[in-house]
Protein backbone atom coordinates (compact mmCIF):
# COMPACT_ATOMS: atom_id res chain seq x y z
CA MET A 1 145.70 150.57 84.08
CA LEU A 2 143.36 149.67 86.85
CA GLY A 3 141.50 152.38 88.64
CA ARG A 4 140.96 152.58 92.36
CA SER A 5 137.38 151.16 92.16
CA ASP A 6 138.59 148.17 90.10
CA ILE A 7 141.19 147.34 92.75
CA PHE A 8 138.57 147.47 95.52
CA ARG A 9 136.19 145.30 93.46
CA ALA A 10 138.92 142.69 92.88
CA ALA A 11 139.87 142.75 96.58
CA ALA A 12 136.23 142.24 97.57
CA ILE A 13 135.89 139.26 95.20
CA VAL A 14 139.07 137.69 96.59
CA ALA A 15 137.83 138.28 100.17
CA LEU A 16 134.47 136.62 99.39
CA ILE A 17 136.16 133.61 97.81
CA ALA A 18 138.44 133.35 100.86
CA CYS A 19 135.40 133.48 103.20
CA PHE A 20 133.62 130.73 101.23
CA ALA A 21 136.74 128.57 101.26
CA ALA A 22 137.24 129.08 105.02
CA THR A 23 133.56 128.22 105.66
CA LEU A 24 133.76 125.01 103.62
CA PHE A 25 136.98 124.06 105.37
CA ALA A 26 135.41 124.63 108.81
CA ILE A 27 132.30 122.62 107.90
CA ASN A 28 134.33 119.68 106.64
CA ARG A 29 136.55 119.60 109.74
CA ARG A 30 133.60 119.18 112.15
CA PRO A 31 133.16 115.58 113.26
CA SER A 32 130.07 114.11 111.73
CA THR A 33 127.58 112.77 114.22
CA PRO A 34 125.92 109.53 113.19
CA VAL A 35 122.23 109.88 112.51
CA VAL A 36 120.32 107.43 114.65
CA GLU A 37 116.89 106.72 113.28
CA PRO A 38 114.43 105.14 115.66
CA LEU A 39 113.40 101.65 114.70
CA PRO A 40 109.79 101.40 113.59
CA THR A 41 107.65 99.74 116.19
CA VAL A 42 105.56 96.95 114.87
CA THR A 43 102.73 95.88 117.07
CA ALA A 44 101.81 92.25 116.87
CA PRO A 45 98.17 91.41 116.35
CA ALA A 46 96.30 90.99 119.61
CA THR A 47 95.48 87.37 118.99
CA ASP A 48 95.12 85.01 116.11
CA ASP A 49 91.64 84.29 117.43
CA LEU A 50 90.54 87.77 116.39
CA THR A 51 91.94 87.33 112.88
CA ALA A 52 90.37 83.91 112.53
CA GLU A 53 87.01 85.19 113.75
CA LEU A 54 87.18 88.17 111.38
CA ARG A 55 87.74 85.77 108.50
CA ARG A 56 84.84 83.61 109.63
CA CYS A 57 82.52 86.61 109.96
CA SER A 58 83.53 88.05 106.61
CA ALA A 59 82.76 84.68 105.00
CA LEU A 60 79.20 84.76 106.33
CA GLY A 61 76.58 85.66 103.81
CA PRO A 62 73.85 88.31 104.07
CA LYS A 63 71.47 85.81 105.66
CA ASP A 64 73.83 85.52 108.66
CA ALA A 65 74.48 89.26 108.92
CA VAL A 66 73.04 89.47 112.43
CA ASP A 67 75.41 87.37 114.50
CA ALA A 68 76.12 88.49 118.08
CA ARG A 69 79.61 86.93 118.06
CA CYS A 70 80.51 88.66 114.79
CA GLU A 71 79.27 91.99 116.08
CA ALA A 72 81.53 91.58 119.14
CA VAL A 73 84.46 90.65 116.91
CA TRP A 74 83.94 93.66 114.62
CA GLU A 75 83.70 95.94 117.66
CA GLU A 76 86.95 94.50 119.04
CA ASN A 77 88.60 95.02 115.66
CA ARG A 78 87.54 98.67 115.72
CA ARG A 79 88.96 99.03 119.25
CA CYS A 80 92.32 97.62 118.13
CA PHE A 81 92.34 99.79 115.01
CA PHE A 82 91.92 102.96 117.05
CA GLY A 83 94.76 101.97 119.39
CA ARG A 84 92.85 100.81 122.42
CA PRO A 85 94.10 97.72 124.23
CA ALA A 86 92.68 94.42 123.09
CA ARG A 87 90.20 92.60 125.28
CA PRO A 88 89.63 88.86 125.30
CA LEU A 89 87.00 87.67 122.86
CA PRO A 90 83.76 86.23 124.18
CA PRO A 91 83.66 82.44 124.11
CA SER A 92 82.38 80.73 120.98
CA PRO A 93 78.93 79.28 121.22
CA PRO A 94 78.83 75.48 121.16
CA GLY A 95 78.51 74.05 117.68
CA ALA A 96 80.01 77.13 116.01
CA VAL A 97 81.50 76.69 112.58
CA ALA A 98 85.30 76.53 112.39
CA PRO A 99 86.98 79.72 111.16
CA ALA A 100 87.14 80.03 107.40
CA THR A 101 90.62 79.91 105.91
CA PRO A 102 91.27 81.61 102.59
CA SER A 103 92.21 79.37 99.72
CA SER A 104 95.42 79.85 97.78
CA GLY A 105 93.52 81.45 94.90
CA ASP A 106 91.79 83.98 97.16
CA ALA A 107 93.93 87.09 96.66
CA ARG A 108 92.57 90.36 98.02
């Protein structure tokens, strides 16, 4: 036959199972709130002029490394990268070369 301690042990196990069942029932009855994730904000590039000038400056060789316009463009690119507002680019000097466009085989 069962002793007094065995009866208490069985009652405690049944009570624990009843508590777990009641907890699961209460959790499942709560209305679920929809999780609203904020949409990622995508900032558009400041201007296509900056991108075109960056391409032109990157296409320059070492002999043209000191170009005042390119230095201004690189500085503006750094400003945009670090989250500062974009400023208008200085005007192109007359007779400047058109911006370089990458060819279809130029994959970077």
